Amino acid sequence: NVFVVPADSPFKTMKDVVAQMQKDPGSVKWGGGS
């Protein structure tokens, strides 16, 4: 699996995503298969 973000996303790295998850897990929407 490769994880991607839109080109204009404020998240530049996975560490940015993790930091936001730790702050507010529900604010990070993960999209994928079923």
PDB file of all heavy atoms in Angstrom:
ATOM      1  N   ASN A   1       0.829  -1.204   0.000  1.00  0.00           N
ATOM      2  CA  ASN A   1       0.000   0.000   0.000  1.00  0.00           C
ATOM      3  C   ASN A   1       0.866   1.256   0.000  1.00  0.00           C
ATOM      4  O   ASN A   1       1.840   1.348   0.760  1.00  0.00           O
ATOM      5  CB  ASN A   1      -0.911   0.034   1.221  1.00  0.00           C
ATOM      6  CG  ASN A   1      -2.086  -0.913   1.086  1.00  0.00           C
ATOM      7  OD1 ASN A   1      -2.211  -1.855   1.850  1.00  0.00           O
ATOM      8  ND2 ASN A   1      -2.941  -0.680   0.108  1.00  0.00           N
ATOM      9  N   VAL A   2       0.479   2.191  -0.832  1.00  0.00           N
ATOM     10  CA  VAL A   2       1.101   3.509  -0.852  1.00  0.00           C
ATOM     11  C   VAL A   2       0.074   4.499  -0.312  1.00  0.00           C
ATOM     12  O   VAL A   2      -1.100   4.458  -0.694  1.00  0.00           O
ATOM     13  CB  VAL A   2       1.509   3.900  -2.291  1.00  0.00           C
ATOM     14  CG1 VAL A   2       1.927   5.368  -2.360  1.00  0.00           C
ATOM     15  CG2 VAL A   2       2.644   3.007  -2.778  1.00  0.00           C
ATOM     16  N   PHE A   3       0.515   5.370   0.586  1.00  0.00           N
ATOM     17  CA  PHE A   3      -0.363   6.416   1.108  1.00  0.00           C
ATOM     18  C   PHE A   3      -0.025   7.731   0.410  1.00  0.00           C
ATOM     19  O   PHE A   3       1.147   8.083   0.261  1.00  0.00           O
ATOM     20  CB  PHE A   3      -0.218   6.558   2.622  1.00  0.00           C
ATOM     21  CG  PHE A   3      -0.860   5.429   3.375  1.00  0.00           C
ATOM     22  CD1 PHE A   3      -0.077   4.512   4.080  1.00  0.00           C
ATOM     23  CD2 PHE A   3      -2.232   5.259   3.377  1.00  0.00           C
ATOM     24  CE1 PHE A   3      -0.666   3.465   4.754  1.00  0.00           C
ATOM     25  CE2 PHE A   3      -2.829   4.210   4.053  1.00  0.00           C
ATOM     26  CZ  PHE A   3      -2.045   3.305   4.745  1.00  0.00           C
ATOM     27  N   VAL A   4      -1.071   8.426  -0.020  1.00  0.00           N
ATOM     28  CA  VAL A   4      -0.884   9.689  -0.739  1.00  0.00           C
ATOM     29  C   VAL A   4      -1.772  10.770  -0.139  1.00  0.00           C
ATOM     30  O   VAL A   4      -2.760  10.481   0.546  1.00  0.00           O
ATOM     31  CB  VAL A   4      -1.235   9.541  -2.241  1.00  0.00           C
ATOM     32  CG1 VAL A   4      -0.329   8.521  -2.922  1.00  0.00           C
ATOM     33  CG2 VAL A   4      -2.707   9.154  -2.428  1.00  0.00           C
ATOM     34  N   VAL A   5      -1.411  12.013  -0.427  1.00  0.00           N
ATOM     35  CA  VAL A   5      -2.253  13.161  -0.068  1.00  0.00           C
ATOM     36  C   VAL A   5      -2.429  14.003  -1.334  1.00  0.00           C
ATOM     37  O   VAL A   5      -1.619  13.916  -2.262  1.00  0.00           O
ATOM     38  CB  VAL A   5      -1.615  14.018   1.056  1.00  0.00           C
ATOM     39  CG1 VAL A   5      -1.536  13.224   2.352  1.00  0.00           C
ATOM     40  CG2 VAL A   5      -0.232  14.521   0.645  1.00  0.00           C
ATOM     41  N   PRO A   6      -3.493  14.798  -1.408  1.00  0.00           N
ATOM     42  CA  PRO A   6      -3.644  15.696  -2.563  1.00  0.00           C
ATOM     43  C   PRO A   6      -2.443  16.633  -2.653  1.00  0.00           C
ATOM     44  O   PRO A   6      -1.810  16.954  -1.640  1.00  0.00           O
ATOM     45  CB  PRO A   6      -4.929  16.467  -2.249  1.00  0.00           C
ATOM     46  CG  PRO A   6      -5.660  15.631  -1.248  1.00  0.00           C
ATOM     47  CD  PRO A   6      -4.602  14.934  -0.453  1.00  0.00           C
ATOM     48  N   ALA A   7      -2.138  17.094  -3.845  1.00  0.00           N
ATOM     49  CA  ALA A   7      -0.953  17.935  -4.053  1.00  0.00           C
ATOM     50  C   ALA A   7      -0.961  19.198  -3.192  1.00  0.00           C
ATOM     51  O   ALA A   7       0.089  19.665  -2.752  1.00  0.00           O
ATOM     52  CB  ALA A   7      -0.839  18.308  -5.525  1.00  0.00           C
ATOM     53  N   ASP A   8      -2.159  19.751  -2.945  1.00  0.00           N
ATOM     54  CA  ASP A   8      -2.244  20.996  -2.169  1.00  0.00           C
ATOM     55  C   ASP A   8      -2.506  20.759  -0.687  1.00  0.00           C
ATOM     56  O   ASP A   8      -2.872  21.677   0.054  1.00  0.00           O
ATOM     57  CB  ASP A   8      -3.323  21.916  -2.745  1.00  0.00           C
ATOM     58  CG  ASP A   8      -4.715  21.261  -2.737  1.00  0.00           C
ATOM     59  OD1 ASP A   8      -4.819  20.075  -2.352  1.00  0.00           O
ATOM     60  OD2 ASP A   8      -5.692  21.936  -3.114  1.00  0.00           O
ATOM     61  N   SER A   9      -2.314  19.523  -0.219  1.00  0.00           N
ATOM     62  CA  SER A   9      -2.564  19.190   1.183  1.00  0.00           C
ATOM     63  C   SER A   9      -1.576  19.904   2.113  1.00  0.00           C
ATOM     64  O   SER A   9      -0.403  20.069   1.773  1.00  0.00           O
ATOM     65  CB  SER A   9      -2.433  17.680   1.384  1.00  0.00           C
ATOM     66  OG  SER A   9      -2.440  17.349   2.765  1.00  0.00           O
ATOM     67  N   PRO A  10      -2.061  20.317   3.283  1.00  0.00           N
ATOM     68  CA  PRO A  10      -1.139  20.897   4.269  1.00  0.00           C
ATOM     69  C   PRO A  10      -0.196  19.845   4.851  1.00  0.00           C
ATOM     70  O   PRO A  10       0.834  20.178   5.447  1.00  0.00           O
ATOM     71  CB  PRO A  10      -2.076  21.458   5.347  1.00  0.00           C
ATOM     72  CG  PRO A  10      -3.328  20.637   5.215  1.00  0.00           C
ATOM     73  CD  PRO A  10      -3.455  20.343   3.755  1.00  0.00           C
ATOM     74  N   PHE A  11      -0.543  18.557   4.688  1.00  0.00           N
ATOM     75  CA  PHE A  11       0.325  17.483   5.160  1.00  0.00           C
ATOM     76  C   PHE A  11       1.424  17.222   4.137  1.00  0.00           C
ATOM     77  O   PHE A  11       1.142  16.838   2.995  1.00  0.00           O
ATOM     78  CB  PHE A  11      -0.465  16.183   5.389  1.00  0.00           C
ATOM     79  CG  PHE A  11      -1.581  16.303   6.396  1.00  0.00           C
ATOM     80  CD1 PHE A  11      -2.851  15.816   6.101  1.00  0.00           C
ATOM     81  CD2 PHE A  11      -1.372  16.894   7.634  1.00  0.00           C
ATOM     82  CE1 PHE A  11      -3.884  15.910   7.023  1.00  0.00           C
ATOM     83  CE2 PHE A  11      -2.399  17.002   8.561  1.00  0.00           C
ATOM     84  CZ  PHE A  11      -3.657  16.513   8.259  1.00  0.00           C
ATOM     85  N   LYS A  12       2.666  17.430   4.546  1.00  0.00           N
ATOM     86  CA  LYS A  12       3.792  17.220   3.634  1.00  0.00           C
ATOM     87  C   LYS A  12       4.426  15.841   3.823  1.00  0.00           C
ATOM     88  O   LYS A  12       5.004  15.289   2.890  1.00  0.00           O
ATOM     89  CB  LYS A  12       4.865  18.300   3.857  1.00  0.00           C
ATOM     90  CG  LYS A  12       4.343  19.722   3.733  1.00  0.00           C
ATOM     91  CD  LYS A  12       3.712  19.986   2.374  1.00  0.00           C
ATOM     92  CE  LYS A  12       3.194  21.423   2.266  1.00  0.00           C
ATOM     93  NZ  LYS A  12       2.435  21.662   1.016  1.00  0.00           N
ATOM     94  N   THR A  13       4.313  15.315   5.036  1.00  0.00           N
ATOM     95  CA  THR A  13       4.922  14.025   5.357  1.00  0.00           C
ATOM     96  C   THR A  13       3.964  13.213   6.227  1.00  0.00           C
ATOM     97  O   THR A  13       2.967  13.741   6.747  1.00  0.00           O
ATOM     98  CB  THR A  13       6.240  14.206   6.135  1.00  0.00           C
ATOM     99  OG1 THR A  13       5.938  14.778   7.418  1.00  0.00           O
ATOM    100  CG2 THR A  13       7.213  15.118   5.382  1.00  0.00           C
ATOM    101  N   MET A  14       4.299  11.942   6.426  1.00  0.00           N
ATOM    102  CA  MET A  14       3.499  11.102   7.313  1.00  0.00           C
ATOM    103  C   MET A  14       3.583  11.609   8.753  1.00  0.00           C
ATOM    104  O   MET A  14       2.624  11.471   9.527  1.00  0.00           O
ATOM    105  CB  MET A  14       3.950   9.648   7.221  1.00  0.00           C
ATOM    106  CG  MET A  14       3.071   8.664   7.992  1.00  0.00           C
ATOM    107  SD  MET A  14       1.326   8.671   7.467  1.00  0.00           S
ATOM    108  CE  MET A  14       1.432   7.830   5.883  1.00  0.00           C
ATOM    109  N   LYS A  15       4.685  12.209   9.113  1.00  0.00           N
ATOM    110  CA  LYS A  15       4.820  12.764  10.471  1.00  0.00           C
ATOM    111  C   LYS A  15       3.796  13.877  10.706  1.00  0.00           C
ATOM    112  O   LYS A  15       3.270  14.028  11.817  1.00  0.00           O
ATOM    113  CB  LYS A  15       6.246  13.284  10.698  1.00  0.00           C
ATOM    114  CG  LYS A  15       7.287  12.169  10.807  1.00  0.00           C
ATOM    115  CD  LYS A  15       8.642  12.707  11.204  1.00  0.00           C
ATOM    116  CE  LYS A  15       9.695  11.609  11.220  1.00  0.00           C
ATOM    117  NZ  LYS A  15       9.429  10.551  12.198  1.00  0.00           N
ATOM    118  N   ASP A  16       3.503  14.660   9.676  1.00  0.00           N
ATOM    119  CA  ASP A  16       2.471  15.698   9.787  1.00  0.00           C
ATOM    120  C   ASP A  16       1.100  15.062  10.044  1.00  0.00           C
ATOM    121  O   ASP A  16       0.311  15.553  10.858  1.00  0.00           O
ATOM    122  CB  ASP A  16       2.402  16.533   8.505  1.00  0.00           C
ATOM    123  CG  ASP A  16       3.652  17.346   8.244  1.00  0.00           C
ATOM    124  OD1 ASP A  16       4.389  17.604   9.215  1.00  0.00           O
ATOM    125  OD2 ASP A  16       3.888  17.707   7.081  1.00  0.00           O
ATOM    126  N   VAL A  17       0.834  13.965   9.340  1.00  0.00           N
ATOM    127  CA  VAL A  17      -0.437  13.258   9.501  1.00  0.00           C
ATOM    128  C   VAL A  17      -0.545  12.708  10.923  1.00  0.00           C
ATOM    129  O   VAL A  17      -1.585  12.847  11.587  1.00  0.00           O
ATOM    130  CB  VAL A  17      -0.555  12.107   8.478  1.00  0.00           C
ATOM    131  CG1 VAL A  17      -1.803  11.272   8.749  1.00  0.00           C
ATOM    132  CG2 VAL A  17      -0.589  12.665   7.055  1.00  0.00           C
ATOM    133  N   VAL A  18       0.529  12.103  11.392  1.00  0.00           N
ATOM    134  CA  VAL A  18       0.537  11.516  12.736  1.00  0.00           C
ATOM    135  C   VAL A  18       0.325  12.590  13.797  1.00  0.00           C
ATOM    136  O   VAL A  18      -0.444  12.401  14.751  1.00  0.00           O
ATOM    137  CB  VAL A  18       1.852  10.753  12.988  1.00  0.00           C
ATOM    138  CG1 VAL A  18       2.011  10.401  14.460  1.00  0.00           C
ATOM    139  CG2 VAL A  18       1.894   9.484  12.129  1.00  0.00           C
ATOM    140  N   ALA A  19       0.979  13.721  13.633  1.00  0.00           N
ATOM    141  CA  ALA A  19       0.839  14.807  14.608  1.00  0.00           C
ATOM    142  C   ALA A  19      -0.618  15.261  14.704  1.00  0.00           C
ATOM    143  O   ALA A  19      -1.142  15.505  15.803  1.00  0.00           O
ATOM    144  CB  ALA A  19       1.738  15.977  14.227  1.00  0.00           C
ATOM    145  N   GLN A  20      -1.293  15.349  13.558  1.00  0.00           N
ATOM    146  CA  GLN A  20      -2.694  15.757  13.558  1.00  0.00           C
ATOM    147  C   GLN A  20      -3.587  14.666  14.158  1.00  0.00           C
ATOM    148  O   GLN A  20      -4.553  14.966  14.871  1.00  0.00           O
ATOM    149  CB  GLN A  20      -3.138  16.085  12.130  1.00  0.00           C
ATOM    150  CG  GLN A  20      -4.559  16.622  12.020  1.00  0.00           C
ATOM    151  CD  GLN A  20      -4.777  17.907  12.793  1.00  0.00           C
ATOM    152  OE1 GLN A  20      -3.860  18.739  12.910  1.00  0.00           O
ATOM    153  NE2 GLN A  20      -5.969  18.087  13.347  1.00  0.00           N
ATOM    154  N   MET A  21      -3.266  13.404  13.870  1.00  0.00           N
ATOM    155  CA  MET A  21      -4.019  12.288  14.459  1.00  0.00           C
ATOM    156  C   MET A  21      -3.929  12.316  15.984  1.00  0.00           C
ATOM    157  O   MET A  21      -4.915  12.090  16.675  1.00  0.00           O
ATOM    158  CB  MET A  21      -3.465  10.947  13.967  1.00  0.00           C
ATOM    159  CG  MET A  21      -3.952  10.488  12.616  1.00  0.00           C
ATOM    160  SD  MET A  21      -3.230   8.876  12.194  1.00  0.00           S
ATOM    161  CE  MET A  21      -4.080   7.807  13.337  1.00  0.00           C
ATOM    162  N   GLN A  22      -2.736  12.575  16.487  1.00  0.00           N
ATOM    163  CA  GLN A  22      -2.544  12.598  17.943  1.00  0.00           C
ATOM    164  C   GLN A  22      -3.279  13.761  18.580  1.00  0.00           C
ATOM    165  O   GLN A  22      -3.732  13.673  19.720  1.00  0.00           O
ATOM    166  CB  GLN A  22      -1.046  12.652  18.254  1.00  0.00           C
ATOM    167  CG  GLN A  22      -0.311  11.359  17.892  1.00  0.00           C
ATOM    168  CD  GLN A  22       1.194  11.480  18.015  1.00  0.00           C
ATOM    169  OE1 GLN A  22       1.780  12.539  17.739  1.00  0.00           O
ATOM    170  NE2 GLN A  22       1.841  10.396  18.430  1.00  0.00           N
ATOM    171  N   LYS A  23      -3.429  14.838  17.831  1.00  0.00           N
ATOM    172  CA  LYS A  23      -4.134  16.011  18.333  1.00  0.00           C
ATOM    173  C   LYS A  23      -5.653  15.808  18.261  1.00  0.00           C
ATOM    174  O   LYS A  23      -6.384  16.105  19.204  1.00  0.00           O
ATOM    175  CB  LYS A  23      -3.737  17.243  17.503  1.00  0.00           C
ATOM    176  CG  LYS A  23      -4.259  18.564  18.041  1.00  0.00           C
ATOM    177  CD  LYS A  23      -3.959  19.710  17.060  1.00  0.00           C
ATOM    178  CE  LYS A  23      -2.474  19.817  16.773  1.00  0.00           C
ATOM    179  NZ  LYS A  23      -2.189  20.953  15.838  1.00  0.00           N
ATOM    180  N   ASP A  24      -6.132  15.293  17.110  1.00  0.00           N
ATOM    181  CA  ASP A  24      -7.566  15.117  16.880  1.00  0.00           C
ATOM    182  C   ASP A  24      -7.757  13.995  15.845  1.00  0.00           C
ATOM    183  O   ASP A  24      -7.804  14.260  14.637  1.00  0.00           O
ATOM    184  CB  ASP A  24      -8.181  16.433  16.370  1.00  0.00           C
ATOM    185  CG  ASP A  24      -9.686  16.318  16.120  1.00  0.00           C
ATOM    186  OD1 ASP A  24     -10.274  15.265  16.458  1.00  0.00           O
ATOM    187  OD2 ASP A  24     -10.261  17.291  15.578  1.00  0.00           O
ATOM    188  N   PRO A  25      -7.852  12.744  16.298  1.00  0.00           N
ATOM    189  CA  PRO A  25      -7.909  11.595  15.379  1.00  0.00           C
ATOM    190  C   PRO A  25      -8.996  11.707  14.315  1.00  0.00           C
ATOM    191  O   PRO A  25      -8.773  11.383  13.147  1.00  0.00           O
ATOM    192  CB  PRO A  25      -8.191  10.409  16.309  1.00  0.00           C
ATOM    193  CG  PRO A  25      -7.686  10.842  17.634  1.00  0.00           C
ATOM    194  CD  PRO A  25      -7.919  12.317  17.703  1.00  0.00           C
ATOM    195  N   GLY A  26     -10.164  12.201  14.692  1.00  0.00           N
ATOM    196  CA  GLY A  26     -11.276  12.270  13.749  1.00  0.00           C
ATOM    197  C   GLY A  26     -11.098  13.282  12.643  1.00  0.00           C
ATOM    198  O   GLY A  26     -11.788  13.216  11.618  1.00  0.00           O
ATOM    199  N   SER A  27     -10.170  14.205  12.812  1.00  0.00           N
ATOM    200  CA  SER A  27      -9.979  15.254  11.807  1.00  0.00           C
ATOM    201  C   SER A  27      -9.201  14.757  10.588  1.00  0.00           C
ATOM    202  O   SER A  27      -9.155  15.434   9.563  1.00  0.00           O
ATOM    203  CB  SER A  27      -9.258  16.453  12.421  1.00  0.00           C
ATOM    204  OG  SER A  27      -7.926  16.109  12.778  1.00  0.00           O
ATOM    205  N   VAL A  28      -8.574  13.598  10.718  1.00  0.00           N
ATOM    206  CA  VAL A  28      -7.836  13.015   9.601  1.00  0.00           C
ATOM    207  C   VAL A  28      -8.714  11.944   8.948  1.00  0.00           C
ATOM    208  O   VAL A  28      -8.997  10.913   9.550  1.00  0.00           O
ATOM    209  CB  VAL A  28      -6.503  12.389  10.055  1.00  0.00           C
ATOM    210  CG1 VAL A  28      -5.784  11.756   8.861  1.00  0.00           C
ATOM    211  CG2 VAL A  28      -5.625  13.434  10.727  1.00  0.00           C
ATOM    212  N   LYS A  29      -9.149  12.199   7.736  1.00  0.00           N
ATOM    213  CA  LYS A  29      -9.980  11.225   7.014  1.00  0.00           C
ATOM    214  C   LYS A  29      -9.101  10.345   6.136  1.00  0.00           C
ATOM    215  O   LYS A  29      -8.396  10.838   5.255  1.00  0.00           O
ATOM    216  CB  LYS A  29     -10.995  11.952   6.120  1.00  0.00           C
ATOM    217  CG  LYS A  29     -12.137  12.612   6.857  1.00  0.00           C
ATOM    218  CD  LYS A  29     -13.137  13.174   5.846  1.00  0.00           C
ATOM    219  CE  LYS A  29     -14.321  13.827   6.535  1.00  0.00           C
ATOM    220  NZ  LYS A  29     -15.276  14.381   5.548  1.00  0.00           N
ATOM    221  N   TRP A  30      -9.153   9.044   6.404  1.00  0.00           N
ATOM    222  CA  TRP A  30      -8.412   8.074   5.604  1.00  0.00           C
ATOM    223  C   TRP A  30      -9.362   7.484   4.561  1.00  0.00           C
ATOM    224  O   TRP A  30     -10.432   6.991   4.905  1.00  0.00           O
ATOM    225  CB  TRP A  30      -7.879   6.949   6.485  1.00  0.00           C
ATOM    226  CG  TRP A  30      -6.893   7.389   7.519  1.00  0.00           C
ATOM    227  CD1 TRP A  30      -7.176   7.957   8.722  1.00  0.00           C
ATOM    228  CD2 TRP A  30      -5.471   7.309   7.430  1.00  0.00           C
ATOM    229  NE1 TRP A  30      -6.011   8.233   9.397  1.00  0.00           N
ATOM    230  CE2 TRP A  30      -4.945   7.839   8.621  1.00  0.00           C
ATOM    231  CE3 TRP A  30      -4.587   6.833   6.455  1.00  0.00           C
ATOM    232  CZ2 TRP A  30      -3.574   7.911   8.872  1.00  0.00           C
ATOM    233  CZ3 TRP A  30      -3.217   6.895   6.703  1.00  0.00           C
ATOM    234  CH2 TRP A  30      -2.720   7.446   7.891  1.00  0.00           C
ATOM    235  N   GLY A  31      -8.981   7.507   3.301  1.00  0.00           N
ATOM    236  CA  GLY A  31      -9.837   6.971   2.249  1.00  0.00           C
ATOM    237  C   GLY A  31      -9.203   5.779   1.562  1.00  0.00           C
ATOM    238  O   GLY A  31      -7.991   5.749   1.325  1.00  0.00           O
ATOM    239  N   GLY A  32     -10.022   4.771   1.269  1.00  0.00           N
ATOM    240  CA  GLY A  32      -9.505   3.591   0.585  1.00  0.00           C
ATOM    241  C   GLY A  32     -10.615   2.616   0.269  1.00  0.00           C
ATOM    242  O   GLY A  32     -11.775   2.991   0.151  1.00  0.00           O
ATOM    243  N   GLY A  33     -10.250   1.343   0.148  1.00  0.00           N
ATOM    244  CA  GLY A  33     -11.221   0.306  -0.166  1.00  0.00           C
ATOM    245  C   GLY A  33     -12.153   0.029   0.995  1.00  0.00           C
ATOM    246  O   GLY A  33     -12.167   0.742   2.008  1.00  0.00           O
ATOM    247  N   SER A  34     -12.925  -1.014   0.852  1.00  0.00           N
ATOM    248  CA  SER A  34     -13.950  -1.344   1.837  1.00  0.00           C
ATOM    249  C   SER A  34     -13.379  -1.568   3.232  1.00  0.00           C
ATOM    250  O   SER A  34     -12.173  -1.765   3.409  1.00  0.00           O
ATOM    251  CB  SER A  34     -14.696  -2.612   1.400  1.00  0.00           C
ATOM    252  OG  SER A  34     -15.256  -2.451   0.117  1.00  0.00           O
TER     253      SER A  34
END
